[in-house]
All heavy atoms as atom14 arrays in JSON, in Angstrom:
{
  "sequence": "PATIEFVDIAGLVKGASKGEGLGNQFLANIREVDAIVHVVRC",
  "atom14_mask": [
    [1, 1, 1, 1, 1, 1, 1, 0, 0, 0, 0, 0, 0, 0],
    [1, 1, 1, 1, 1, 0, 0, 0, 0, 0, 0, 0, 0, 0],
    [1, 1, 1, 1, 1, 1, 1, 0, 0, 0, 0, 0, 0, 0],
    [1, 1, 1, 1, 1, 1, 1, 1, 0, 0, 0, 0, 0, 0],
    [1, 1, 1, 1, 1, 1, 1, 1, 1, 0, 0, 0, 0, 0],
    [1, 1, 1, 1, 1, 1, 1, 1, 1, 1, 1, 0, 0, 0],
    [1, 1, 1, 1, 1, 1, 1, 0, 0, 0, 0, 0, 0, 0],
    [1, 1, 1, 1, 1, 1, 1, 1, 0, 0, 0, 0, 0, 0],
    [1, 1, 1, 1, 1, 1, 1, 1, 0, 0, 0, 0, 0, 0],
    [1, 1, 1, 1, 1, 0, 0, 0, 0, 0, 0, 0, 0, 0],
    [1, 1, 1, 1, 0, 0, 0, 0, 0, 0, 0, 0, 0, 0],
    [1, 1, 1, 1, 1, 1, 1, 1, 0, 0, 0, 0, 0, 0],
    [1, 1, 1, 1, 1, 1, 1, 0, 0, 0, 0, 0, 0, 0],
    [1, 1, 1, 1, 1, 1, 1, 1, 1, 0, 0, 0, 0, 0],
    [1, 1, 1, 1, 0, 0, 0, 0, 0, 0, 0, 0, 0, 0],
    [1, 1, 1, 1, 1, 0, 0, 0, 0, 0, 0, 0, 0, 0],
    [1, 1, 1, 1, 1, 1, 0, 0, 0, 0, 0, 0, 0, 0],
    [1, 1, 1, 1, 1, 1, 1, 1, 1, 0, 0, 0, 0, 0],
    [1, 1, 1, 1, 0, 0, 0, 0, 0, 0, 0, 0, 0, 0],
    [1, 1, 1, 1, 1, 1, 1, 1, 1, 0, 0, 0, 0, 0],
    [1, 1, 1, 1, 0, 0, 0, 0, 0, 0, 0, 0, 0, 0],
    [1, 1, 1, 1, 1, 1, 1, 1, 0, 0, 0, 0, 0, 0],
    [1, 1, 1, 1, 0, 0, 0, 0, 0, 0, 0, 0, 0, 0],
    [1, 1, 1, 1, 1, 1, 1, 1, 0, 0, 0, 0, 0, 0],
    [1, 1, 1, 1, 1, 1, 1, 1, 1, 0, 0, 0, 0, 0],
    [1, 1, 1, 1, 1, 1, 1, 1, 1, 1, 1, 0, 0, 0],
    [1, 1, 1, 1, 1, 1, 1, 1, 0, 0, 0, 0, 0, 0],
    [1, 1, 1, 1, 1, 0, 0, 0, 0, 0, 0, 0, 0, 0],
    [1, 1, 1, 1, 1, 1, 1, 1, 0, 0, 0, 0, 0, 0],
    [1, 1, 1, 1, 1, 1, 1, 1, 0, 0, 0, 0, 0, 0],
    [1, 1, 1, 1, 1, 1, 1, 1, 1, 1, 1, 0, 0, 0],
    [1, 1, 1, 1, 1, 1, 1, 1, 1, 0, 0, 0, 0, 0],
    [1, 1, 1, 1, 1, 1, 1, 0, 0, 0, 0, 0, 0, 0],
    [1, 1, 1, 1, 1, 1, 1, 1, 0, 0, 0, 0, 0, 0],
    [1, 1, 1, 1, 1, 0, 0, 0, 0, 0, 0, 0, 0, 0],
    [1, 1, 1, 1, 1, 1, 1, 1, 0, 0, 0, 0, 0, 0],
    [1, 1, 1, 1, 1, 1, 1, 0, 0, 0, 0, 0, 0, 0],
    [1, 1, 1, 1, 1, 1, 1, 1, 1, 1, 0, 0, 0, 0],
    [1, 1, 1, 1, 1, 1, 1, 0, 0, 0, 0, 0, 0, 0],
    [1, 1, 1, 1, 1, 1, 1, 0, 0, 0, 0, 0, 0, 0],
    [1, 1, 1, 1, 1, 1, 1, 1, 1, 1, 1, 0, 0, 0],
    [1, 1, 1, 1, 1, 1, 0, 0, 0, 0, 0, 0, 0, 0]
  ],
  "atom14_positions": [
    [[37.85, -40.47, 3.4], [37.77, -39.26, 2.6], [37.72, -38.01, 3.48], [37.48, -38.09, 4.68], [36.45, -39.43, 1.84], [35.62, -40.28, 2.74], [36.55, -41.16, 3.51], [0.0, 0.0, 0.0], [0.0, 0.0, 0.0], [0.0, 0.0, 0.0], [0.0, 0.0, 0.0], [0.0, 0.0, 0.0], [0.0, 0.0, 0.0], [0.0, 0.0, 0.0]],
    [[37.94, -36.87, 2.85], [37.68, -35.6, 3.54], [36.17, -35.48, 3.72], [35.4, -36.18, 3.05], [38.21, -34.44, 2.71], [0.0, 0.0, 0.0], [0.0, 0.0, 0.0], [0.0, 0.0, 0.0], [0.0, 0.0, 0.0], [0.0, 0.0, 0.0], [0.0, 0.0, 0.0], [0.0, 0.0, 0.0], [0.0, 0.0, 0.0], [0.0, 0.0, 0.0]],
    [[35.73, -34.63, 4.62], [34.29, -34.52, 4.89], [33.8, -33.07, 4.84], [34.55, -32.13, 5.1], [33.94, -35.09, 6.28], [34.77, -34.47, 7.26], [34.13, -36.59, 6.32], [0.0, 0.0, 0.0], [0.0, 0.0, 0.0], [0.0, 0.0, 0.0], [0.0, 0.0, 0.0], [0.0, 0.0, 0.0], [0.0, 0.0, 0.0], [0.0, 0.0, 0.0]],
    [[32.53, -32.95, 4.49], [31.85, -31.66, 4.51], [30.61, -31.8, 5.39], [29.92, -32.81, 5.33], [31.39, -31.23, 3.1], [32.57, -31.01, 2.16], [30.54, -29.97, 3.15], [32.17, -30.65, 0.74], [0.0, 0.0, 0.0], [0.0, 0.0, 0.0], [0.0, 0.0, 0.0], [0.0, 0.0, 0.0], [0.0, 0.0, 0.0], [0.0, 0.0, 0.0]],
    [[30.36, -30.8, 6.2], [29.12, -30.79, 6.97], [28.12, -29.86, 6.28], [28.43, -28.7, 6.02], [29.39, -30.3, 8.4], [28.16, -30.34, 9.29], [28.49, -29.96, 10.74], [29.38, -30.6, 11.34], [27.86, -29.01, 11.24], [0.0, 0.0, 0.0], [0.0, 0.0, 0.0], [0.0, 0.0, 0.0], [0.0, 0.0, 0.0], [0.0, 0.0, 0.0]],
    [[26.96, -30.39, 5.95], [25.89, -29.58, 5.36], [24.88, -29.25, 6.45], [24.46, -30.12, 7.21], [25.17, -30.34, 4.24], [25.95, -30.44, 2.97], [26.46, -31.66, 2.55], [26.18, -29.32, 2.19], [27.19, -31.76, 1.36], [26.91, -29.41, 1.01], [27.41, -30.63, 0.59], [0.0, 0.0, 0.0], [0.0, 0.0, 0.0], [0.0, 0.0, 0.0]],
    [[24.5, -27.98, 6.51], [23.47, -27.56, 7.46], [22.29, -27.04, 6.63], [22.44, -26.1, 5.85], [23.98, -26.43, 8.39], [22.95, -26.11, 9.46], [25.3, -26.82, 9.03], [0.0, 0.0, 0.0], [0.0, 0.0, 0.0], [0.0, 0.0, 0.0], [0.0, 0.0, 0.0], [0.0, 0.0, 0.0], [0.0, 0.0, 0.0], [0.0, 0.0, 0.0]],
    [[21.15, -27.7, 6.78], [19.93, -27.27, 6.08], [19.31, -26.16, 6.92], [18.72, -26.41, 7.97], [18.98, -28.47, 5.95], [17.73, -28.13, 5.17], [17.67, -27.04, 4.56], [16.78, -28.94, 5.17], [0.0, 0.0, 0.0], [0.0, 0.0, 0.0], [0.0, 0.0, 0.0], [0.0, 0.0, 0.0], [0.0, 0.0, 0.0], [0.0, 0.0, 0.0]],
    [[19.49, -24.94, 6.48], [19.03, -23.78, 7.27], [17.54, -23.57, 7.02], [17.14, -23.1, 5.95], [19.81, -22.5, 6.89], [21.32, -22.74, 6.97], [19.37, -21.34, 7.75], [21.9, -22.89, 8.34], [0.0, 0.0, 0.0], [0.0, 0.0, 0.0], [0.0, 0.0, 0.0], [0.0, 0.0, 0.0], [0.0, 0.0, 0.0], [0.0, 0.0, 0.0]],
    [[16.74, -23.92, 8.01], [15.28, -23.84, 7.85], [14.76, -22.45, 8.2], [15.41, -21.68, 8.89], [14.63, -24.87, 8.76], [0.0, 0.0, 0.0], [0.0, 0.0, 0.0], [0.0, 0.0, 0.0], [0.0, 0.0, 0.0], [0.0, 0.0, 0.0], [0.0, 0.0, 0.0], [0.0, 0.0, 0.0], [0.0, 0.0, 0.0], [0.0, 0.0, 0.0]],
    [[13.57, -22.15, 7.68], [12.82, -21.0, 8.16], [13.2, -19.65, 7.59], [12.83, -18.62, 8.15], [0.0, 0.0, 0.0], [0.0, 0.0, 0.0], [0.0, 0.0, 0.0], [0.0, 0.0, 0.0], [0.0, 0.0, 0.0], [0.0, 0.0, 0.0], [0.0, 0.0, 0.0], [0.0, 0.0, 0.0], [0.0, 0.0, 0.0], [0.0, 0.0, 0.0]],
    [[13.93, -19.64, 6.46], [14.29, -18.34, 5.9], [13.2, -17.86, 4.96], [12.99, -18.41, 3.89], [15.63, -18.43, 5.16], [16.13, -17.11, 4.6], [16.17, -16.06, 5.69], [17.48, -17.24, 4.0], [0.0, 0.0, 0.0], [0.0, 0.0, 0.0], [0.0, 0.0, 0.0], [0.0, 0.0, 0.0], [0.0, 0.0, 0.0], [0.0, 0.0, 0.0]],
    [[12.5, -16.84, 5.4], [11.44, -16.22, 4.59], [11.63, -14.71, 4.69], [12.45, -14.23, 5.47], [10.02, -16.6, 5.1], [9.76, -18.09, 4.88], [9.85, -16.23, 6.58], [0.0, 0.0, 0.0], [0.0, 0.0, 0.0], [0.0, 0.0, 0.0], [0.0, 0.0, 0.0], [0.0, 0.0, 0.0], [0.0, 0.0, 0.0], [0.0, 0.0, 0.0]],
    [[10.85, -13.99, 3.9], [10.9, -12.53, 4.0], [10.5, -12.14, 5.43], [9.49, -12.62, 5.95], [9.91, -11.93, 2.99], [10.16, -10.46, 2.72], [9.19, -9.92, 1.68], [9.58, -10.36, 0.28], [8.74, -9.71, -0.76], [0.0, 0.0, 0.0], [0.0, 0.0, 0.0], [0.0, 0.0, 0.0], [0.0, 0.0, 0.0], [0.0, 0.0, 0.0]],
    [[11.32, -11.34, 6.08], [11.04, -10.95, 7.46], [11.75, -11.81, 8.49], [11.53, -11.67, 9.69], [0.0, 0.0, 0.0], [0.0, 0.0, 0.0], [0.0, 0.0, 0.0], [0.0, 0.0, 0.0], [0.0, 0.0, 0.0], [0.0, 0.0, 0.0], [0.0, 0.0, 0.0], [0.0, 0.0, 0.0], [0.0, 0.0, 0.0], [0.0, 0.0, 0.0]],
    [[12.63, -12.7, 8.03], [13.35, -13.6, 8.96], [14.15, -12.8, 9.98], [14.22, -13.16, 11.16], [14.26, -14.53, 8.2], [0.0, 0.0, 0.0], [0.0, 0.0, 0.0], [0.0, 0.0, 0.0], [0.0, 0.0, 0.0], [0.0, 0.0, 0.0], [0.0, 0.0, 0.0], [0.0, 0.0, 0.0], [0.0, 0.0, 0.0], [0.0, 0.0, 0.0]],
    [[14.76, -11.7, 9.53], [15.58, -10.89, 10.45], [14.73, -10.24, 11.54], [15.24, -9.83, 12.57], [16.33, -9.81, 9.67], [15.43, -9.0, 8.95], [0.0, 0.0, 0.0], [0.0, 0.0, 0.0], [0.0, 0.0, 0.0], [0.0, 0.0, 0.0], [0.0, 0.0, 0.0], [0.0, 0.0, 0.0], [0.0, 0.0, 0.0], [0.0, 0.0, 0.0]],
    [[13.43, -10.17, 11.3], [12.51, -9.62, 12.31], [11.84, -10.74, 13.11], [10.88, -10.52, 13.83], [11.43, -8.76, 11.63], [11.98, -7.61, 10.8], [12.34, -6.43, 11.68], [12.75, -5.23, 10.85], [14.04, -5.37, 10.2], [0.0, 0.0, 0.0], [0.0, 0.0, 0.0], [0.0, 0.0, 0.0], [0.0, 0.0, 0.0], [0.0, 0.0, 0.0]],
    [[12.32, -11.98, 12.9], [11.78, -13.1, 13.66], [10.68, -13.87, 12.96], [10.1, -14.78, 13.52], [0.0, 0.0, 0.0], [0.0, 0.0, 0.0], [0.0, 0.0, 0.0], [0.0, 0.0, 0.0], [0.0, 0.0, 0.0], [0.0, 0.0, 0.0], [0.0, 0.0, 0.0], [0.0, 0.0, 0.0], [0.0, 0.0, 0.0], [0.0, 0.0, 0.0]],
    [[10.37, -13.51, 11.68], [9.35, -14.27, 10.93], [9.86, -15.69, 10.68], [11.07, -15.92, 10.59], [9.07, -13.59, 9.57], [8.46, -12.2, 9.68], [7.02, -12.21, 10.11], [6.32, -13.19, 9.79], [6.59, -11.26, 10.78], [0.0, 0.0, 0.0], [0.0, 0.0, 0.0], [0.0, 0.0, 0.0], [0.0, 0.0, 0.0], [0.0, 0.0, 0.0]],
    [[8.94, -16.64, 10.49], [9.34, -18.03, 10.25], [10.14, -18.52, 11.45], [9.76, -18.35, 12.59], [0.0, 0.0, 0.0], [0.0, 0.0, 0.0], [0.0, 0.0, 0.0], [0.0, 0.0, 0.0], [0.0, 0.0, 0.0], [0.0, 0.0, 0.0], [0.0, 0.0, 0.0], [0.0, 0.0, 0.0], [0.0, 0.0, 0.0], [0.0, 0.0, 0.0]],
    [[11.28, -19.11, 11.15], [12.19, -19.54, 12.23], [13.39, -18.59, 12.25], [14.51, -18.98, 12.54], [12.67, -20.98, 11.99], [11.58, -22.04, 11.95], [12.16, -23.37, 11.51], [10.92, -22.2, 13.32], [0.0, 0.0, 0.0], [0.0, 0.0, 0.0], [0.0, 0.0, 0.0], [0.0, 0.0, 0.0], [0.0, 0.0, 0.0], [0.0, 0.0, 0.0]],
    [[13.09, -17.34, 11.89], [14.13, -16.36, 11.62], [15.36, -16.34, 12.5], [16.47, -16.56, 12.04], [0.0, 0.0, 0.0], [0.0, 0.0, 0.0], [0.0, 0.0, 0.0], [0.0, 0.0, 0.0], [0.0, 0.0, 0.0], [0.0, 0.0, 0.0], [0.0, 0.0, 0.0], [0.0, 0.0, 0.0], [0.0, 0.0, 0.0], [0.0, 0.0, 0.0]],
    [[15.17, -16.11, 13.79], [16.33, -15.93, 14.66], [17.15, -17.2, 14.79], [18.38, -17.17, 14.86], [15.88, -15.43, 16.03], [15.27, -14.03, 15.92], [15.71, -13.24, 15.08], [14.28, -13.74, 16.73], [0.0, 0.0, 0.0], [0.0, 0.0, 0.0], [0.0, 0.0, 0.0], [0.0, 0.0, 0.0], [0.0, 0.0, 0.0], [0.0, 0.0, 0.0]],
    [[16.45, -18.34, 14.81], [17.14, -19.63, 14.9], [17.98, -19.84, 13.64], [19.13, -20.27, 13.69], [16.1, -20.75, 15.03], [16.73, -22.13, 15.17], [15.67, -23.22, 15.12], [14.53, -23.01, 15.54], [16.03, -24.35, 14.57], [0.0, 0.0, 0.0], [0.0, 0.0, 0.0], [0.0, 0.0, 0.0], [0.0, 0.0, 0.0], [0.0, 0.0, 0.0]],
    [[17.39, -19.5, 12.49], [18.1, -19.61, 11.22], [19.38, -18.78, 11.24], [20.44, -19.23, 10.84], [17.18, -19.14, 10.08], [17.89, -18.39, 9.0], [18.68, -19.05, 8.07], [17.81, -17.01, 8.91], [19.38, -18.36, 7.1], [18.49, -16.32, 7.94], [19.27, -17.0, 7.03], [0.0, 0.0, 0.0], [0.0, 0.0, 0.0], [0.0, 0.0, 0.0]],
    [[19.27, -17.57, 11.73], [20.42, -16.66, 11.7], [21.53, -17.15, 12.62], [22.71, -16.99, 12.32], [19.97, -15.24, 12.06], [19.02, -14.64, 11.01], [18.33, -13.41, 11.54], [19.76, -14.31, 9.73], [0.0, 0.0, 0.0], [0.0, 0.0, 0.0], [0.0, 0.0, 0.0], [0.0, 0.0, 0.0], [0.0, 0.0, 0.0], [0.0, 0.0, 0.0]],
    [[21.16, -17.77, 13.73], [22.17, -18.32, 14.64], [22.9, -19.48, 13.97], [24.12, -19.58, 14.02], [21.51, -18.78, 15.94], [0.0, 0.0, 0.0], [0.0, 0.0, 0.0], [0.0, 0.0, 0.0], [0.0, 0.0, 0.0], [0.0, 0.0, 0.0], [0.0, 0.0, 0.0], [0.0, 0.0, 0.0], [0.0, 0.0, 0.0], [0.0, 0.0, 0.0]],
    [[22.15, -20.35, 13.3], [22.75, -21.51, 12.62], [23.73, -21.09, 11.53], [24.8, -21.66, 11.37], [21.66, -22.38, 11.96], [20.89, -23.19, 12.98], [21.32, -23.32, 14.12], [19.75, -23.72, 12.58], [0.0, 0.0, 0.0], [0.0, 0.0, 0.0], [0.0, 0.0, 0.0], [0.0, 0.0, 0.0], [0.0, 0.0, 0.0], [0.0, 0.0, 0.0]],
    [[23.34, -20.09, 10.77], [24.12, -19.74, 9.58], [25.41, -19.01, 9.92], [26.37, -19.02, 9.16], [23.25, -18.93, 8.58], [23.83, -19.08, 7.18], [23.13, -17.5, 8.97], [22.93, -18.52, 6.11], [0.0, 0.0, 0.0], [0.0, 0.0, 0.0], [0.0, 0.0, 0.0], [0.0, 0.0, 0.0], [0.0, 0.0, 0.0], [0.0, 0.0, 0.0]],
    [[25.47, -18.39, 11.1], [26.72, -17.7, 11.48], [27.87, -18.68, 11.68], [29.03, -18.29, 11.64], [26.51, -16.87, 12.75], [25.74, -15.61, 12.48], [25.86, -14.53, 13.49], [24.86, -13.52, 13.18], [25.03, -12.53, 12.3], [26.16, -12.41, 11.66], [24.06, -11.67, 12.06], [0.0, 0.0, 0.0], [0.0, 0.0, 0.0], [0.0, 0.0, 0.0]],
    [[27.55, -19.95, 11.9], [28.58, -20.95, 12.18], [29.24, -21.51, 10.91], [30.24, -22.2, 11.0], [27.96, -22.12, 12.95], [27.27, -21.73, 14.26], [28.22, -21.03, 15.22], [29.34, -21.52, 15.4], [27.83, -19.98, 15.77], [0.0, 0.0, 0.0], [0.0, 0.0, 0.0], [0.0, 0.0, 0.0], [0.0, 0.0, 0.0], [0.0, 0.0, 0.0]],
    [[28.67, -21.25, 9.73], [29.16, -21.93, 8.52], [30.33, -21.2, 7.86], [30.52, -20.0, 8.06], [28.02, -22.16, 7.49], [26.87, -22.93, 8.13], [27.52, -20.86, 6.88], [0.0, 0.0, 0.0], [0.0, 0.0, 0.0], [0.0, 0.0, 0.0], [0.0, 0.0, 0.0], [0.0, 0.0, 0.0], [0.0, 0.0, 0.0], [0.0, 0.0, 0.0]],
    [[31.12, -21.96, 7.06], [32.24, -21.36, 6.32], [31.78, -20.66, 5.06], [32.38, -19.69, 4.61], [33.25, -22.46, 5.92], [33.85, -23.16, 7.13], [34.3, -22.44, 8.05], [33.85, -24.4, 7.18], [0.0, 0.0, 0.0], [0.0, 0.0, 0.0], [0.0, 0.0, 0.0], [0.0, 0.0, 0.0], [0.0, 0.0, 0.0], [0.0, 0.0, 0.0]],
    [[30.73, -21.21, 4.44], [30.21, -20.62, 3.21], [28.73, -20.94, 3.1], [28.22, -21.87, 3.74], [30.95, -21.19, 1.99], [0.0, 0.0, 0.0], [0.0, 0.0, 0.0], [0.0, 0.0, 0.0], [0.0, 0.0, 0.0], [0.0, 0.0, 0.0], [0.0, 0.0, 0.0], [0.0, 0.0, 0.0], [0.0, 0.0, 0.0], [0.0, 0.0, 0.0]],
    [[28.04, -20.16, 2.29], [26.6, -20.31, 2.11], [26.32, -20.88, 0.72], [26.86, -20.38, -0.28], [25.88, -18.95, 2.29], [26.02, -18.46, 3.73], [24.41, -19.04, 1.88], [25.6, -17.02, 3.95], [0.0, 0.0, 0.0], [0.0, 0.0, 0.0], [0.0, 0.0, 0.0], [0.0, 0.0, 0.0], [0.0, 0.0, 0.0], [0.0, 0.0, 0.0]],
    [[25.51, -21.92, 0.66], [25.02, -22.45, -0.62], [23.58, -21.98, -0.76], [22.71, -22.4, -0.01], [25.08, -24.0, -0.67], [24.56, -24.51, -2.02], [26.49, -24.5, -0.41], [0.0, 0.0, 0.0], [0.0, 0.0, 0.0], [0.0, 0.0, 0.0], [0.0, 0.0, 0.0], [0.0, 0.0, 0.0], [0.0, 0.0, 0.0], [0.0, 0.0, 0.0]],
    [[23.37, -21.07, -1.71], [22.05, -20.45, -1.87], [21.34, -21.12, -3.05], [21.73, -20.93, -4.2], [22.25, -18.95, -2.11], [20.99, -18.17, -2.2], [20.95, -16.8, -2.11], [19.69, -18.56, -2.38], [19.7, -16.38, -2.23], [18.92, -17.44, -2.41], [0.0, 0.0, 0.0], [0.0, 0.0, 0.0], [0.0, 0.0, 0.0], [0.0, 0.0, 0.0]],
    [[20.32, -21.91, -2.75], [19.57, -22.61, -3.81], [18.54, -21.65, -4.41], [17.71, -21.07, -3.69], [18.85, -23.87, -3.26], [18.16, -24.63, -4.39], [19.84, -24.78, -2.54], [0.0, 0.0, 0.0], [0.0, 0.0, 0.0], [0.0, 0.0, 0.0], [0.0, 0.0, 0.0], [0.0, 0.0, 0.0], [0.0, 0.0, 0.0], [0.0, 0.0, 0.0]],
    [[18.63, -21.47, -5.73], [17.75, -20.54, -6.43], [16.92, -21.33, -7.45], [17.48, -22.1, -8.24], [18.57, -19.45, -7.15], [17.63, -18.41, -7.77], [19.53, -18.77, -6.19], [0.0, 0.0, 0.0], [0.0, 0.0, 0.0], [0.0, 0.0, 0.0], [0.0, 0.0, 0.0], [0.0, 0.0, 0.0], [0.0, 0.0, 0.0], [0.0, 0.0, 0.0]],
    [[15.64, -21.12, -7.42], [14.76, -21.85, -8.35], [14.84, -21.26, -9.76], [14.55, -20.08, -9.96], [13.32, -21.82, -7.83], [12.36, -22.56, -8.75], [11.01, -22.76, -8.09], [10.0, -23.16, -9.05], [8.74, -23.45, -8.76], [8.34, -23.38, -7.5], [7.88, -23.8, -9.69], [0.0, 0.0, 0.0], [0.0, 0.0, 0.0], [0.0, 0.0, 0.0]],
    [[15.22, -22.11, -10.72], [15.33, -21.69, -12.12], [14.49, -22.6, -13.02], [14.74, -22.72, -14.21], [16.78, -21.71, -12.57], [17.84, -20.53, -11.7], [0.0, 0.0, 0.0], [0.0, 0.0, 0.0], [0.0, 0.0, 0.0], [0.0, 0.0, 0.0], [0.0, 0.0, 0.0], [0.0, 0.0, 0.0], [0.0, 0.0, 0.0], [0.0, 0.0, 0.0]]
  ]
}
């Protein structure tokens, strides 16, 4: 079959861009992806 790679981007919290949580690591990981799947609690 065709394949998809899923990356579970950890550490995204308010202030991630300022290095909160695993902020900077998260931002480096996410720049590599083709699209973002944003899970929203409903």
